[in-house]
Amino acid sequence: MTVLLTETELKVAELAADATAIEAIAEKLGIAAGDAAGLLETVYRKLGPGER
């Protein structure tokens, strides 16, 4: 199965995989912490529980 992530979702996922805090992810990407958290939730939904 192919899962397509946006460029921003991919960046969020990569930073989260390195145990970067949501606040730090948001700062690095220049977005609000709530937006970063929402993007990470979207990544989890797209990948599904077996892919995390």
PDB file of N, CA and C in Angstrom:
ATOM      1  N   MET A   1       0.839  -1.173   0.000  1.00  0.00           N
ATOM      2  CA  MET A   1       0.000   0.000   0.000  1.00  0.00           C
ATOM      3  C   MET A   1       0.887   1.240   0.000  1.00  0.00           C
ATOM      4  N   THR A   2       0.584   2.189  -0.846  1.00  0.00           N
ATOM      5  CA  THR A   2       1.340   3.424  -0.923  1.00  0.00           C
ATOM      6  C   THR A   2       0.621   4.505  -0.138  1.00  0.00           C
ATOM      7  N   VAL A   3       1.352   5.151   0.750  1.00  0.00           N
ATOM      8  CA  VAL A   3       0.802   6.252   1.542  1.00  0.00           C
ATOM      9  C   VAL A   3       1.524   7.520   1.119  1.00  0.00           C
ATOM     10  N   LEU A   4       0.750   8.522   0.729  1.00  0.00           N
ATOM     11  CA  LEU A   4       1.344   9.777   0.316  1.00  0.00           C
ATOM     12  C   LEU A   4       1.232  10.806   1.431  1.00  0.00           C
ATOM     13  N   LEU A   5       2.378  11.334   1.838  1.00  0.00           N
ATOM     14  CA  LEU A   5       2.415  12.402   2.824  1.00  0.00           C
ATOM     15  C   LEU A   5       2.811  13.687   2.109  1.00  0.00           C
ATOM     16  N   THR A   6       2.260  14.795   2.596  1.00  0.00           N
ATOM     17  CA  THR A   6       2.695  16.072   2.052  1.00  0.00           C
ATOM     18  C   THR A   6       4.119  16.324   2.533  1.00  0.00           C
ATOM     19  N   GLU A   7       4.766  17.291   1.920  1.00  0.00           N
ATOM     20  CA  GLU A   7       6.133  17.630   2.321  1.00  0.00           C
ATOM     21  C   GLU A   7       6.189  18.021   3.795  1.00  0.00           C
ATOM     22  N   THR A   8       5.218  18.802   4.246  1.00  0.00           N
ATOM     23  CA  THR A   8       5.179  19.243   5.641  1.00  0.00           C
ATOM     24  C   THR A   8       4.913  18.066   6.571  1.00  0.00           C
ATOM     25  N   GLU A   9       3.984  17.189   6.196  1.00  0.00           N
ATOM     26  CA  GLU A   9       3.709  16.005   7.012  1.00  0.00           C
ATOM     27  C   GLU A   9       4.955  15.149   7.144  1.00  0.00           C
ATOM     28  N   LEU A  10       5.694  14.999   6.064  1.00  0.00           N
ATOM     29  CA  LEU A  10       6.918  14.213   6.102  1.00  0.00           C
ATOM     30  C   LEU A  10       7.938  14.837   7.038  1.00  0.00           C
ATOM     31  N   LYS A  11       8.095  16.162   6.994  1.00  0.00           N
ATOM     32  CA  LYS A  11       9.029  16.836   7.900  1.00  0.00           C
ATOM     33  C   LYS A  11       8.622  16.642   9.349  1.00  0.00           C
ATOM     34  N   VAL A  12       7.325  16.785   9.629  1.00  0.00           N
ATOM     35  CA  VAL A  12       6.821  16.590  10.989  1.00  0.00           C
ATOM     36  C   VAL A  12       7.093  15.162  11.442  1.00  0.00           C
ATOM     37  N   ALA A  13       6.831  14.198  10.571  1.00  0.00           N
ATOM     38  CA  ALA A  13       7.049  12.793  10.922  1.00  0.00           C
ATOM     39  C   ALA A  13       8.524  12.514  11.203  1.00  0.00           C
ATOM     40  N   GLU A  14       9.400  13.062  10.383  1.00  0.00           N
ATOM     41  CA  GLU A  14      10.833  12.842  10.574  1.00  0.00           C
ATOM     42  C   GLU A  14      11.306  13.447  11.896  1.00  0.00           C
ATOM     43  N   LEU A  15      10.854  14.651  12.198  1.00  0.00           N
ATOM     44  CA  LEU A  15      11.242  15.290  13.457  1.00  0.00           C
ATOM     45  C   LEU A  15      10.678  14.529  14.651  1.00  0.00           C
ATOM     46  N   ALA A  16       9.444  14.083  14.552  1.00  0.00           N
ATOM     47  CA  ALA A  16       8.831  13.323  15.640  1.00  0.00           C
ATOM     48  C   ALA A  16       9.555  11.995  15.845  1.00  0.00           C
ATOM     49  N   ALA A  17       9.989  11.379  14.756  1.00  0.00           N
ATOM     50  CA  ALA A  17      10.726  10.109  14.859  1.00  0.00           C
ATOM     51  C   ALA A  17      12.052  10.294  15.585  1.00  0.00           C
ATOM     52  N   ASP A  18      12.586  11.516  15.544  1.00  0.00           N
ATOM     53  CA  ASP A  18      13.822  11.823  16.274  1.00  0.00           C
ATOM     54  C   ASP A  18      13.539  12.297  17.692  1.00  0.00           C
ATOM     55  N   ALA A  19      12.299  12.096  18.165  1.00  0.00           N
ATOM     56  CA  ALA A  19      11.863  12.465  19.518  1.00  0.00           C
ATOM     57  C   ALA A  19      11.895  13.974  19.747  1.00  0.00           C
ATOM     58  N   THR A  20      11.635  14.735  18.689  1.00  0.00           N
ATOM     59  CA  THR A  20      11.560  16.184  18.812  1.00  0.00           C
ATOM     60  C   THR A  20      10.187  16.553  19.368  1.00  0.00           C
ATOM     61  N   ALA A  21      10.160  17.429  20.360  1.00  0.00           N
ATOM     62  CA  ALA A  21       8.905  17.854  20.984  1.00  0.00           C
ATOM     63  C   ALA A  21       8.067  18.646  19.982  1.00  0.00           C
ATOM     64  N   ILE A  22       6.755  18.590  20.138  1.00  0.00           N
ATOM     65  CA  ILE A  22       5.837  19.298  19.253  1.00  0.00           C
ATOM     66  C   ILE A  22       6.178  20.784  19.176  1.00  0.00           C
ATOM     67  N   GLU A  23       6.491  21.382  20.313  1.00  0.00           N
ATOM     68  CA  GLU A  23       6.821  22.812  20.333  1.00  0.00           C
ATOM     69  C   GLU A  23       8.062  23.094  19.483  1.00  0.00           C
ATOM     70  N   ALA A  24       9.047  22.214  19.553  1.00  0.00           N
ATOM     71  CA  ALA A  24      10.273  22.382  18.769  1.00  0.00           C
ATOM     72  C   ALA A  24      10.002  22.147  17.285  1.00  0.00           C
ATOM     73  N   ILE A  25       9.149  21.188  16.980  1.00  0.00           N
ATOM     74  CA  ILE A  25       8.770  20.939  15.588  1.00  0.00           C
ATOM     75  C   ILE A  25       8.100  22.188  15.019  1.00  0.00           C
ATOM     76  N   ALA A  26       7.169  22.739  15.780  1.00  0.00           N
ATOM     77  CA  ALA A  26       6.449  23.932  15.342  1.00  0.00           C
ATOM     78  C   ALA A  26       7.416  25.087  15.095  1.00  0.00           C
ATOM     79  N   GLU A  27       8.345  25.276  16.010  1.00  0.00           N
ATOM     80  CA  GLU A  27       9.315  26.366  15.866  1.00  0.00           C
ATOM     81  C   GLU A  27      10.181  26.180  14.620  1.00  0.00           C
ATOM     82  N   LYS A  28      10.644  24.948  14.400  1.00  0.00           N
ATOM     83  CA  LYS A  28      11.494  24.672  13.239  1.00  0.00           C
ATOM     84  C   LYS A  28      10.760  24.909  11.925  1.00  0.00           C
ATOM     85  N   LEU A  29       9.455  24.624  11.919  1.00  0.00           N
ATOM     86  CA  LEU A  29       8.678  24.756  10.694  1.00  0.00           C
ATOM     87  C   LEU A  29       7.976  26.111  10.583  1.00  0.00           C
ATOM     88  N   GLY A  30       8.047  26.906  11.638  1.00  0.00           N
ATOM     89  CA  GLY A  30       7.414  28.218  11.615  1.00  0.00           C
ATOM     90  C   GLY A  30       5.902  28.164  11.645  1.00  0.00           C
ATOM     91  N   ILE A  31       5.359  27.180  12.379  1.00  0.00           N
ATOM     92  CA  ILE A  31       3.911  27.025  12.496  1.00  0.00           C
ATOM     93  C   ILE A  31       3.534  26.960  13.968  1.00  0.00           C
ATOM     94  N   ALA A  32       2.259  27.049  14.255  1.00  0.00           N
ATOM     95  CA  ALA A  32       1.772  26.953  15.632  1.00  0.00           C
ATOM     96  C   ALA A  32       1.891  25.517  16.136  1.00  0.00           C
ATOM     97  N   ALA A  33       2.073  25.375  17.443  1.00  0.00           N
ATOM     98  CA  ALA A  33       2.204  24.044  18.044  1.00  0.00           C
ATOM     99  C   ALA A  33       0.957  23.203  17.783  1.00  0.00           C
ATOM    100  N   GLY A  34      -0.212  23.824  17.829  1.00  0.00           N
ATOM    101  CA  GLY A  34      -1.450  23.098  17.555  1.00  0.00           C
ATOM    102  C   GLY A  34      -1.501  22.569  16.130  1.00  0.00           C
ATOM    103  N   ASP A  35      -0.964  23.355  15.201  1.00  0.00           N
ATOM    104  CA  ASP A  35      -0.913  22.911  13.810  1.00  0.00           C
ATOM    105  C   ASP A  35       0.049  21.733  13.652  1.00  0.00           C
ATOM    106  N   ALA A  36       1.184  21.804  14.334  1.00  0.00           N
ATOM    107  CA  ALA A  36       2.154  20.704  14.272  1.00  0.00           C
ATOM    108  C   ALA A  36       1.546  19.427  14.848  1.00  0.00           C
ATOM    109  N   ALA A  37       0.823  19.559  15.949  1.00  0.00           N
ATOM    110  CA  ALA A  37       0.168  18.397  16.554  1.00  0.00           C
ATOM    111  C   ALA A  37      -0.881  17.823  15.611  1.00  0.00           C
ATOM    112  N   GLY A  38      -1.623  18.695  14.962  1.00  0.00           N
ATOM    113  CA  GLY A  38      -2.638  18.238  13.999  1.00  0.00           C
ATOM    114  C   GLY A  38      -2.016  17.515  12.822  1.00  0.00           C
ATOM    115  N   LEU A  39      -0.896  18.036  12.346  1.00  0.00           N
ATOM    116  CA  LEU A  39      -0.193  17.373  11.239  1.00  0.00           C
ATOM    117  C   LEU A  39       0.303  15.994  11.660  1.00  0.00           C
ATOM    118  N   LEU A  40       0.802  15.893  12.879  1.00  0.00           N
ATOM    119  CA  LEU A  40       1.283  14.594  13.362  1.00  0.00           C
ATOM    120  C   LEU A  40       0.125  13.604  13.486  1.00  0.00           C
ATOM    121  N   GLU A  41      -1.026  14.071  13.938  1.00  0.00           N
ATOM    122  CA  GLU A  41      -2.209  13.203  13.998  1.00  0.00           C
ATOM    123  C   GLU A  41      -2.590  12.721  12.602  1.00  0.00           C
ATOM    124  N   THR A  42      -2.499  13.613  11.629  1.00  0.00           N
ATOM    125  CA  THR A  42      -2.806  13.242  10.240  1.00  0.00           C
ATOM    126  C   THR A  42      -1.839  12.165   9.747  1.00  0.00           C
ATOM    127  N   VAL A  43      -0.568  12.326  10.079  1.00  0.00           N
ATOM    128  CA  VAL A  43       0.440  11.332   9.695  1.00  0.00           C
ATOM    129  C   VAL A  43       0.088   9.976  10.304  1.00  0.00           C
ATOM    130  N   TYR A  44      -0.258   9.957  11.595  1.00  0.00           N
ATOM    131  CA  TYR A  44      -0.617   8.700  12.249  1.00  0.00           C
ATOM    132  C   TYR A  44      -1.822   8.060  11.570  1.00  0.00           C
ATOM    133  N   ARG A  45      -2.820   8.876  11.219  1.00  0.00           N
ATOM    134  CA  ARG A  45      -4.009   8.337  10.556  1.00  0.00           C
ATOM    135  C   ARG A  45      -3.664   7.761   9.189  1.00  0.00           C
ATOM    136  N   LYS A  46      -2.834   8.473   8.448  1.00  0.00           N
ATOM    137  CA  LYS A  46      -2.453   8.002   7.105  1.00  0.00           C
ATOM    138  C   LYS A  46      -1.637   6.722   7.172  1.00  0.00           C
ATOM    139  N   LEU A  47      -0.737   6.632   8.142  1.00  0.00           N
ATOM    140  CA  LEU A  47       0.124   5.461   8.227  1.00  0.00           C
ATOM    141  C   LEU A  47      -0.572   4.267   8.862  1.00  0.00           C
ATOM    142  N   GLY A  48      -1.523   4.527   9.727  1.00  0.00           N
ATOM    143  CA  GLY A  48      -2.234   3.455  10.404  1.00  0.00           C
ATOM    144  C   GLY A  48      -1.418   2.896  11.541  1.00  0.00           C
ATOM    145  N   PRO A  49      -2.073   2.214  12.470  1.00  0.00           N
ATOM    146  CA  PRO A  49      -1.387   1.717  13.666  1.00  0.00           C
ATOM    147  C   PRO A  49      -0.290   0.706  13.388  1.00  0.00           C
ATOM    148  N   GLY A  50      -0.406  -0.056  12.333  1.00  0.00           N
ATOM    149  CA  GLY A  50       0.619  -1.057  12.029  1.00  0.00           C
ATOM    150  C   GLY A  50       1.870  -0.475  11.419  1.00  0.00           C
ATOM    151  N   GLU A  51       1.848   0.789  11.031  1.00  0.00           N
ATOM    152  CA  GLU A  51       2.972   1.407  10.347  1.00  0.00           C
ATOM    153  C   GLU A  51       3.762   2.368  11.220  1.00  0.00           C
ATOM    154  N   ARG A  52       3.343   2.598  12.441  1.00  0.00           N
ATOM    155  CA  ARG A  52       3.987   3.591  13.301  1.00  0.00           C
ATOM    156  C   ARG A  52       5.335   3.137  13.773  1.00  0.00           C
TER     157      ARG A  52
END
